C-alpha atoms as a PDB file:
ATOM      1  CA  UNK A   1       9.601  26.532  65.797  1.00  0.00           C
ATOM      2  CA  UNK A   2      10.818  29.810  67.265  1.00  0.00           C
ATOM      3  CA  UNK A   3       9.333  31.592  69.848  1.00  0.00           C
ATOM      4  CA  UNK A   4       7.697  35.052  69.545  1.00  0.00           C
ATOM      5  CA  UNK A   5      10.379  37.813  69.209  1.00  0.00           C
ATOM      6  CA  UNK A   6       8.552  40.142  71.003  1.00  0.00           C
ATOM      7  CA  UNK A   7       9.150  37.806  74.234  1.00  0.00           C
ATOM      8  CA  UNK A   8      12.723  37.199  73.590  1.00  0.00           C
ATOM      9  CA  UNK A   9      15.719  38.656  75.753  1.00  0.00           C
ATOM     10  CA  UNK A  10      18.112  40.297  73.211  1.00  0.00           C
ATOM     11  CA  UNK A  11      21.251  40.093  75.601  1.00  0.00           C
ATOM     12  CA  UNK A  12      20.349  36.697  76.971  1.00  0.00           C
ATOM     13  CA  UNK A  13      20.074  35.691  73.082  1.00  0.00           C
ATOM     14  CA  UNK A  14      23.416  37.277  72.514  1.00  0.00           C
ATOM     15  CA  UNK A  15      24.828  35.473  75.594  1.00  0.00           C
ATOM     16  CA  UNK A  16      23.738  31.887  73.995  1.00  0.00           C
ATOM     17  CA  UNK A  17      25.391  32.947  70.566  1.00  0.00           C
ATOM     18  CA  UNK A  18      28.468  33.979  72.316  1.00  0.00           C
ATOM     19  CA  UNK A  19      28.616  30.645  74.130  1.00  0.00           C
ATOM     20  CA  UNK A  20      27.519  28.619  71.297  1.00  0.00           C
ATOM     21  CA  UNK A  21      30.353  29.951  68.891  1.00  0.00           C
ATOM     22  CA  UNK A  22      33.023  29.324  71.373  1.00  0.00           C
ATOM     23  CA  UNK A  23      31.877  25.787  71.062  1.00  0.00           C
ATOM     24  CA  UNK A  24      34.065  25.775  67.903  1.00  0.00           C
ATOM     25  CA  UNK A  25      37.207  27.463  69.330  1.00  0.00           C
ATOM     26  CA  UNK A  26      38.518  25.541  72.430  1.00  0.00           C
ATOM     27  CA  UNK A  27      41.462  27.679  72.732  1.00  0.00           C
ATOM     28  CA  UNK A  28      38.994  30.709  72.916  1.00  0.00           C
ATOM     29  CA  UNK A  29      38.744  34.054  71.306  1.00  0.00           C
ATOM     30  CA  UNK A  30      39.576  37.605  72.233  1.00  0.00           C
ATOM     31  CA  UNK A  31      36.902  40.256  72.573  1.00  0.00           C
ATOM     32  CA  UNK A  32      37.880  41.836  69.324  1.00  0.00           C
ATOM     33  CA  UNK A  33      37.365  38.474  67.568  1.00  0.00           C
ATOM     34  CA  UNK A  34      34.008  37.865  69.086  1.00  0.00           C
ATOM     35  CA  UNK A  35      32.668  41.109  68.158  1.00  0.00           C
ATOM     36  CA  UNK A  36      34.103  40.861  64.409  1.00  0.00           C
ATOM     37  CA  UNK A  37      32.677  37.213  64.164  1.00  0.00           C
ATOM     38  CA  UNK A  38      29.124  38.097  65.578  1.00  0.00           C
ATOM     39  CA  UNK A  39      28.719  41.557  64.548  1.00  0.00           C
ATOM     40  CA  UNK A  40      27.448  42.720  67.855  1.00  0.00           C
ATOM     41  CA  UNK A  41      28.819  46.171  69.614  1.00  0.00           C
ATOM     42  CA  UNK A  42      31.878  45.792  71.287  1.00  0.00           C
ATOM     43  CA  UNK A  43      30.580  47.290  74.539  1.00  0.00           C
ATOM     44  CA  UNK A  44      27.378  44.633  74.510  1.00  0.00           C
ATOM     45  CA  UNK A  45      30.174  41.632  73.971  1.00  0.00           C
ATOM     46  CA  UNK A  46      32.340  43.133  76.834  1.00  0.00           C
ATOM     47  CA  UNK A  47      29.455  43.163  79.467  1.00  0.00           C
ATOM     48  CA  UNK A  48      27.917  39.748  78.637  1.00  0.00           C
ATOM     49  CA  UNK A  49      31.343  38.155  78.591  1.00  0.00           C
ATOM     50  CA  UNK A  50      32.528  39.595  81.761  1.00  0.00           C
ATOM     51  CA  UNK A  51      28.858  38.485  83.283  1.00  0.00           C
ATOM     52  CA  UNK A  52      29.448  34.919  82.018  1.00  0.00           C
ATOM     53  CA  UNK A  53      33.192  35.017  83.441  1.00  0.00           C
ATOM     54  CA  UNK A  54      31.834  36.215  86.683  1.00  0.00           C
ATOM     55  CA  UNK A  55      29.317  33.526  86.923  1.00  0.00           C
ATOM     56  CA  UNK A  56      31.750  30.793  85.769  1.00  0.00           C
ATOM     57  CA  UNK A  57      30.513  29.975  82.265  1.00  0.00           C
ATOM     58  CA  UNK A  58      33.569  31.514  80.628  1.00  0.00           C
ATOM     59  CA  UNK A  59      37.180  31.260  81.446  1.00  0.00           C
ATOM     60  CA  UNK A  60      39.762  33.921  80.247  1.00  0.00           C
ATOM     61  CA  UNK A  61      43.485  33.455  79.564  1.00  0.00           C
ATOM     62  CA  UNK A  62      45.219  36.428  81.679  1.00  0.00           C
ATOM     63  CA  UNK A  63      48.065  36.686  79.019  1.00  0.00           C
ATOM     64  CA  UNK A  64      46.228  35.902  75.555  1.00  0.00           C
ATOM     65  CA  UNK A  65      43.044  37.694  76.962  1.00  0.00           C
ATOM     66  CA  UNK A  66      40.929  35.006  75.304  1.00  0.00           C
ATOM     67  CA  UNK A  67      37.643  33.776  76.534  1.00  0.00           C
ATOM     68  CA  UNK A  68      36.681  30.164  76.303  1.00  0.00           C
ATOM     69  CA  UNK A  69      34.074  27.955  77.697  1.00  0.00           C
ATOM     70  CA  UNK A  70      34.349  26.488  81.138  1.00  0.00           C
ATOM     71  CA  UNK A  71      32.968  23.202  82.234  1.00  0.00           C
ATOM     72  CA  UNK A  72      30.196  24.356  84.296  1.00  0.00           C
ATOM     73  CA  UNK A  73      27.442  23.629  81.754  1.00  0.00           C
ATOM     74  CA  UNK A  74      28.682  20.327  81.177  1.00  0.00           C
ATOM     75  CA  UNK A  75      28.708  19.488  84.948  1.00  0.00           C
ATOM     76  CA  UNK A  76      24.992  20.987  85.018  1.00  0.00           C
ATOM     77  CA  UNK A  77      24.140  18.865  82.079  1.00  0.00           C
ATOM     78  CA  UNK A  78      25.692  15.740  83.776  1.00  0.00           C
ATOM     79  CA  UNK A  79      24.116  16.284  87.069  1.00  0.00           C
ATOM     80  CA  UNK A  80      20.665  17.025  85.111  1.00  0.00           C
ATOM     81  CA  UNK A  81      20.738  13.406  84.035  1.00  0.00           C
ATOM     82  CA  UNK A  82      20.428  11.996  87.758  1.00  0.00           C
ATOM     83  CA  UNK A  83      16.802  11.550  89.009  1.00  0.00           C
ATOM     84  CA  UNK A  84      17.986  13.491  91.990  1.00  0.00           C
ATOM     85  CA  UNK A  85      20.557  16.401  92.573  1.00  0.00           C
ATOM     86  CA  UNK A  86      23.654  14.875  93.626  1.00  0.00           C
ATOM     87  CA  UNK A  87      25.436  17.197  96.005  1.00  0.00           C
ATOM     88  CA  UNK A  88      22.521  18.108  98.142  1.00  0.00           C
ATOM     89  CA  UNK A  89      21.771  14.463  98.372  1.00  0.00           C
ATOM     90  CA  UNK A  90      25.132  13.328  99.470  1.00  0.00           C
ATOM     91  CA  UNK A  91      26.332  16.254 101.624  1.00  0.00           C
ATOM     92  CA  UNK A  92      25.217  14.925 105.024  1.00  0.00           C
ATOM     93  CA  UNK A  93      26.595  11.505 104.166  1.00  0.00           C
ATOM     94  CA  UNK A  94      29.938  13.095 103.179  1.00  0.00           C
ATOM     95  CA  UNK A  95      29.980  14.949 106.506  1.00  0.00           C
ATOM     96  CA  UNK A  96      29.552  11.883 108.514  1.00  0.00           C
ATOM     97  CA  UNK A  97      32.281  10.009 106.453  1.00  0.00           C
ATOM     98  CA  UNK A  98      34.461  13.164 107.275  1.00  0.00           C
ATOM     99  CA  UNK A  99      33.887  12.700 111.225  1.00  0.00           C
ATOM    100  CA  UNK A 100      34.896   9.122 111.028  1.00  0.00           C
ATOM    101  CA  UNK A 101      38.108   9.410 108.954  1.00  0.00           C
ATOM    102  CA  UNK A 102      38.730  13.065 109.885  1.00  0.00           C
ATOM    103  CA  UNK A 103      40.158  13.689 106.328  1.00  0.00           C
ATOM    104  CA  UNK A 104      38.716  15.899 103.492  1.00  0.00           C
ATOM    105  CA  UNK A 105      35.861  14.009 101.897  1.00  0.00           C
ATOM    106  CA  UNK A 106      35.158  15.130  98.312  1.00  0.00           C
ATOM    107  CA  UNK A 107      32.667  14.342  95.347  1.00  0.00           C
ATOM    108  CA  UNK A 108      32.924  14.609  91.441  1.00  0.00           C
ATOM    109  CA  UNK A 109      32.092  13.015  88.123  1.00  0.00           C
ATOM    110  CA  UNK A 110      33.471  12.338  84.877  1.00  0.00           C
ATOM    111  CA  UNK A 111      33.123  14.944  82.170  1.00  0.00           C
ATOM    112  CA  UNK A 112      34.391  14.160  78.700  1.00  0.00           C
ATOM    113  CA  UNK A 113      37.650  12.359  79.763  1.00  0.00           C
ATOM    114  CA  UNK A 114      38.248  14.406  82.935  1.00  0.00           C
ATOM    115  CA  UNK A 115      37.189  14.098  86.281  1.00  0.00           C
ATOM    116  CA  UNK A 116      35.770  17.220  87.916  1.00  0.00           C
ATOM    117  CA  UNK A 117      35.547  18.254  91.469  1.00  0.00           C
ATOM    118  CA  UNK A 118      32.050  19.237  92.534  1.00  0.00           C
ATOM    119  CA  UNK A 119      31.981  19.696  96.674  1.00  0.00           C
ATOM    120  CA  UNK A 120      34.065  19.155  99.497  1.00  0.00           C
ATOM    121  CA  UNK A 121      33.567  18.460 103.107  1.00  0.00           C
ATOM    122  CA  UNK A 122      36.747  19.851 104.963  1.00  0.00           C
ATOM    123  CA  UNK A 123      38.845  17.402 107.138  1.00  0.00           C
ATOM    124  CA  UNK A 124      39.164  18.211 110.837  1.00  0.00           C
ATOM    125  CA  UNK A 125      42.882  18.212 111.190  1.00  0.00           C
ATOM    126  CA  UNK A 126      44.395  21.382 111.803  1.00  0.00           C
ATOM    127  CA  UNK A 127      46.478  20.737 108.485  1.00  0.00           C
ATOM    128  CA  UNK A 128      43.835  19.458 105.831  1.00  0.00           C
ATOM    129  CA  UNK A 129      43.560  18.880 101.910  1.00  0.00           C
ATOM    130  CA  UNK A 130      41.478  21.327 100.110  1.00  0.00           C
ATOM    131  CA  UNK A 131      40.879  22.325  96.368  1.00  0.00           C
ATOM    132  CA  UNK A 132      38.893  24.642  94.319  1.00  0.00           C
ATOM    133  CA  UNK A 133      35.808  23.382  92.923  1.00  0.00           C
ATOM    134  CA  UNK A 134      35.476  22.770  89.258  1.00  0.00           C
ATOM    135  CA  UNK A 135      39.147  21.557  89.106  1.00  0.00           C
ATOM    136  CA  UNK A 136      39.670  18.790  86.440  1.00  0.00           C
ATOM    137  CA  UNK A 137      41.761  15.612  87.346  1.00  0.00           C
ATOM    138  CA  UNK A 138      43.438  13.378  85.043  1.00  0.00           C
ATOM    139  CA  UNK A 139      42.138  10.074  85.063  1.00  0.00           C
ATOM    140  CA  UNK A 140      45.078   7.727  85.313  1.00  0.00           C
ATOM    141  CA  UNK A 141      46.429   9.691  88.445  1.00  0.00           C
ATOM    142  CA  UNK A 142      43.112  10.378  90.341  1.00  0.00           C
ATOM    143  CA  UNK A 143      41.394   7.585  92.696  1.00  0.00           C
ATOM    144  CA  UNK A 144      37.696   8.939  91.802  1.00  0.00           C
ATOM    145  CA  UNK A 145      38.383   9.033  88.031  1.00  0.00           C
ATOM    146  CA  UNK A 146      39.507   5.403  88.107  1.00  0.00           C
ATOM    147  CA  UNK A 147      36.825   4.260  90.455  1.00  0.00           C
ATOM    148  CA  UNK A 148      34.247   5.639  87.888  1.00  0.00           C
ATOM    149  CA  UNK A 149      36.098   4.360  85.006  1.00  0.00           C
ATOM    150  CA  UNK A 150      36.313   0.880  86.286  1.00  0.00           C
ATOM    151  CA  UNK A 151      32.340   0.420  86.432  1.00  0.00           C
ATOM    152  CA  UNK A 152      31.864   1.799  83.122  1.00  0.00           C
ATOM    153  CA  UNK A 153      30.965  -0.634  80.156  1.00  0.00           C
ATOM    154  CA  UNK A 154      33.958  -1.851  78.410  1.00  0.00           C
ATOM    155  CA  UNK A 155      33.199   0.070  75.425  1.00  0.00           C
ATOM    156  CA  UNK A 156      32.849   3.478  76.937  1.00  0.00           C
ATOM    157  CA  UNK A 157      36.161   2.794  78.880  1.00  0.00           C
ATOM    158  CA  UNK A 158      37.871   1.975  75.522  1.00  0.00           C
ATOM    159  CA  UNK A 159      36.316   5.422  73.995  1.00  0.00           C
ATOM    160  CA  UNK A 160      37.113   7.164  76.980  1.00  0.00           C
ATOM    161  CA  UNK A 161      41.091   6.179  76.987  1.00  0.00           C
ATOM    162  CA  UNK A 162      41.341   5.924  73.291  1.00  0.00           C
ATOM    163  CA  UNK A 163      44.353   8.578  72.417  1.00  0.00           C
ATOM    164  CA  UNK A 164      44.497   9.143  76.130  1.00  0.00           C
ATOM    165  CA  UNK A 165      47.557  10.858  77.117  1.00  0.00           C
ATOM    166  CA  UNK A 166      49.429   9.073  79.985  1.00  0.00           C
ATOM    167  CA  UNK A 167      51.398  12.008  81.481  1.00  0.00           C
ATOM    168  CA  UNK A 168      54.209  11.023  83.912  1.00  0.00           C
ATOM    169  CA  UNK A 169      54.392  12.836  87.223  1.00  0.00           C
ATOM    170  CA  UNK A 170      56.821  10.329  89.140  1.00  0.00           C
ATOM    171  CA  UNK A 171      57.644   6.666  89.379  1.00  0.00           C
ATOM    172  CA  UNK A 172      54.164   5.792  90.806  1.00  0.00           C
ATOM    173  CA  UNK A 173      52.307   7.124  87.962  1.00  0.00           C
ATOM    174  CA  UNK A 174      50.374   4.744  85.784  1.00  0.00           C
ATOM    175  CA  UNK A 175      51.919   5.389  82.007  1.00  0.00           C
ATOM    176  CA  UNK A 176      50.146   2.938  79.717  1.00  0.00           C
ATOM    177  CA  UNK A 177      47.014   1.711  78.847  1.00  0.00           C
ATOM    178  CA  UNK A 178      47.754  -1.976  79.868  1.00  0.00           C
ATOM    179  CA  UNK A 179      48.666  -0.877  83.399  1.00  0.00           C
ATOM    180  CA  UNK A 180      45.378   1.302  83.647  1.00  0.00           C
ATOM    181  CA  UNK A 181      43.405  -1.806  82.542  1.00  0.00           C
ATOM    182  CA  UNK A 182      44.952  -3.877  85.138  1.00  0.00           C
ATOM    183  CA  UNK A 183      44.276  -1.158  87.599  1.00  0.00           C
ATOM    184  CA  UNK A 184      40.664  -0.951  86.730  1.00  0.00           C
ATOM    185  CA  UNK A 185      39.897  -4.912  86.736  1.00  0.00           C
ATOM    186  CA  UNK A 186      41.440  -4.664  90.417  1.00  0.00           C
ATOM    187  CA  UNK A 187      39.052  -1.850  91.217  1.00  0.00           C
ATOM    188  CA  UNK A 188      36.267  -3.765  90.007  1.00  0.00           C
ATOM    189  CA  UNK A 189      37.041  -6.884  92.150  1.00  0.00           C
ATOM    190  CA  UNK A 190      37.424  -4.884  95.506  1.00  0.00           C
ATOM    191  CA  UNK A 191      35.107  -1.923  94.929  1.00  0.00           C
ATOM    192  CA  UNK A 192      37.239   1.263  95.645  1.00  0.00           C
ATOM    193  CA  UNK A 193      39.943   3.042  93.805  1.00  0.00           C
ATOM    194  CA  UNK A 194      43.454   4.476  95.199  1.00  0.00           C
ATOM    195  CA  UNK A 195      45.822   7.283  94.524  1.00  0.00           C
ATOM    196  CA  UNK A 196      49.161   5.878  95.914  1.00  0.00           C
ATOM    197  CA  UNK A 197      50.899   9.673  95.451  1.00  0.00           C
ATOM    198  CA  UNK A 198      50.802   8.958  91.728  1.00  0.00           C
ATOM    199  CA  UNK A 199      50.860  12.484  91.149  1.00  0.00           C
ATOM    200  CA  UNK A 200      51.778  14.268  94.143  1.00  0.00           C
ATOM    201  CA  UNK A 201      54.197  12.569  96.565  1.00  0.00           C
ATOM    202  CA  UNK A 202      52.780  12.068  99.652  1.00  0.00           C
ATOM    203  CA  UNK A 203      49.456  12.385  98.782  1.00  0.00           C
ATOM    204  CA  UNK A 204      47.128   9.638  99.113  1.00  0.00           C
ATOM    205  CA  UNK A 205      43.443   8.995  98.337  1.00  0.00           C
ATOM    206  CA  UNK A 206      40.816   6.425  98.601  1.00  0.00           C
ATOM    207  CA  UNK A 207      37.680   6.678  96.563  1.00  0.00           C
ATOM    208  CA  UNK A 208      34.420   4.734  95.716  1.00  0.00           C
ATOM    209  CA  UNK A 209      32.037   4.942  92.928  1.00  0.00           C
ATOM    210  CA  UNK A 210      28.167   6.240  93.517  1.00  0.00           C
ATOM    211  CA  UNK A 211      25.732   4.451  91.093  1.00  0.00           C
ATOM    212  CA  UNK A 212      22.343   5.537  89.911  1.00  0.00           C
ATOM    213  CA  UNK A 213      19.246   3.243  90.142  1.00  0.00           C
ATOM    214  CA  UNK A 214      20.202   2.097  86.547  1.00  0.00           C
ATOM    215  CA  UNK A 215      23.385   0.732  88.227  1.00  0.00           C
ATOM    216  CA  UNK A 216      25.680   3.131  86.216  1.00  0.00           C
ATOM    217  CA  UNK A 217      28.529   5.152  88.127  1.00  0.00           C
ATOM    218  CA  UNK A 218      27.301   8.858  88.329  1.00  0.00           C
ATOM    219  CA  UNK A 219      29.955  10.148  90.719  1.00  0.00           C
ATOM    220  CA  UNK A 220      32.516   9.153  92.986  1.00  0.00           C
ATOM    221  CA  UNK A 221      33.495  10.033  96.497  1.00  0.00           C
ATOM    222  CA  UNK A 222      36.896  10.255  98.293  1.00  0.00           C
ATOM    223  CA  UNK A 223      39.216  11.061 100.903  1.00  0.00           C
ATOM    224  CA  UNK A 224      42.321  12.835 100.355  1.00  0.00           C
ATOM    225  CA  UNK A 225      45.407  13.148 102.863  1.00  0.00           C
ATOM    226  CA  UNK A 226      48.918  12.918 103.640  1.00  0.00           C
ATOM    227  CA  UNK A 227      50.495   9.353 103.740  1.00  0.00           C
ATOM    228  CA  UNK A 228      51.149   9.507 107.119  1.00  0.00           C
ATOM    229  CA  UNK A 229      47.761   9.653 107.801  1.00  0.00           C
ATOM    230  CA  UNK A 230      46.493   7.715 105.189  1.00  0.00           C
ATOM    231  CA  UNK A 231      48.981   4.958 104.772  1.00  0.00           C
ATOM    232  CA  UNK A 232      49.160   1.727 102.521  1.00  0.00           C
ATOM    233  CA  UNK A 233      48.317  -0.436 105.107  1.00  0.00           C
ATOM    234  CA  UNK A 234      45.176   1.416 105.709  1.00  0.00           C
ATOM    235  CA  UNK A 235      43.934   1.409 102.140  1.00  0.00           C
ATOM    236  CA  UNK A 236      41.704  -2.153 102.443  1.00  0.00           C
ATOM    237  CA  UNK A 237      39.834  -0.840 105.578  1.00  0.00           C
ATOM    238  CA  UNK A 238      39.599   2.834 104.158  1.00  0.00           C
ATOM    239  CA  UNK A 239      38.517   1.514 100.997  1.00  0.00           C
ATOM    240  CA  UNK A 240      35.532  -0.495 102.465  1.00  0.00           C
ATOM    241  CA  UNK A 241      34.592   2.388 104.623  1.00  0.00           C
ATOM    242  CA  UNK A 242      34.293   4.677 101.454  1.00  0.00           C
ATOM    243  CA  UNK A 243      32.229   1.813  99.715  1.00  0.00           C
ATOM    244  CA  UNK A 244      30.034   1.889 102.662  1.00  0.00           C
ATOM    245  CA  UNK A 245      29.518   5.582 102.200  1.00  0.00           C
ATOM    246  CA  UNK A 246      28.937   5.598  98.369  1.00  0.00           C
ATOM    247  CA  UNK A 247      26.465   2.718  98.855  1.00  0.00           C
ATOM    248  CA  UNK A 248      24.442   5.052 101.171  1.00  0.00           C
ATOM    249  CA  UNK A 249      24.566   7.918  98.636  1.00  0.00           C
ATOM    250  CA  UNK A 250      23.508   5.047  95.737  1.00  0.00           C
ATOM    251  CA  UNK A 251      20.548   3.936  98.130  1.00  0.00           C
ATOM    252  CA  UNK A 252      19.191   7.616  97.983  1.00  0.00           C
ATOM    253  CA  UNK A 253      19.556   7.594  93.891  1.00  0.00           C
ATOM    254  CA  UNK A 254      17.140   4.672  93.521  1.00  0.00           C
END
């Protein structure tokens, strides 16, 4: 049942129509294409798309001048499924973790076959890792992506990696489904995931999943730092450390 039209906001309705229309065009549409398709005045489309762009709901290709949906709504939807807001629940634990390991601590979640960065607490070293929030990470080379993926039900793992493209970045990169499945089995045994410079040489990550009260992985926290400060021989101890902090956050979601 539709609401009383007397109480509807025309520009809000147009904004929703624009976003719904863009769902069918993953490569995006230009301002002129949106105007023609929706039969909405060009000035109105211009103001609405630029407002949505400023708020992070749209992306815009600078060269092609095409608007496309960002992942912000997907992240909001993922977070709404949790009983408690994830980042506010986790931030003080992340700060404690940073104080102990001194490296940047991050949190993120899986969204449609990619891992999305949600928040970070910068490391205390003069040289520290930082990343833009909302950045999407490939699952096969990201410690948190693998850490979450490992604890999903088998059928969801299969669905997620069906047709997955294993881009090779260097000699450390996992490049096959078989190798990834072997990695996931190891993660289930030890409880943490690793990135051994699999995308960027000299950058190591150690991650552990966060679970909901239903024992489902809903996010992951991880540390990122240079290989000389996060060496291979430190992985077991750091893995246990990340596991303990992730468990503390999981307990708050019960």
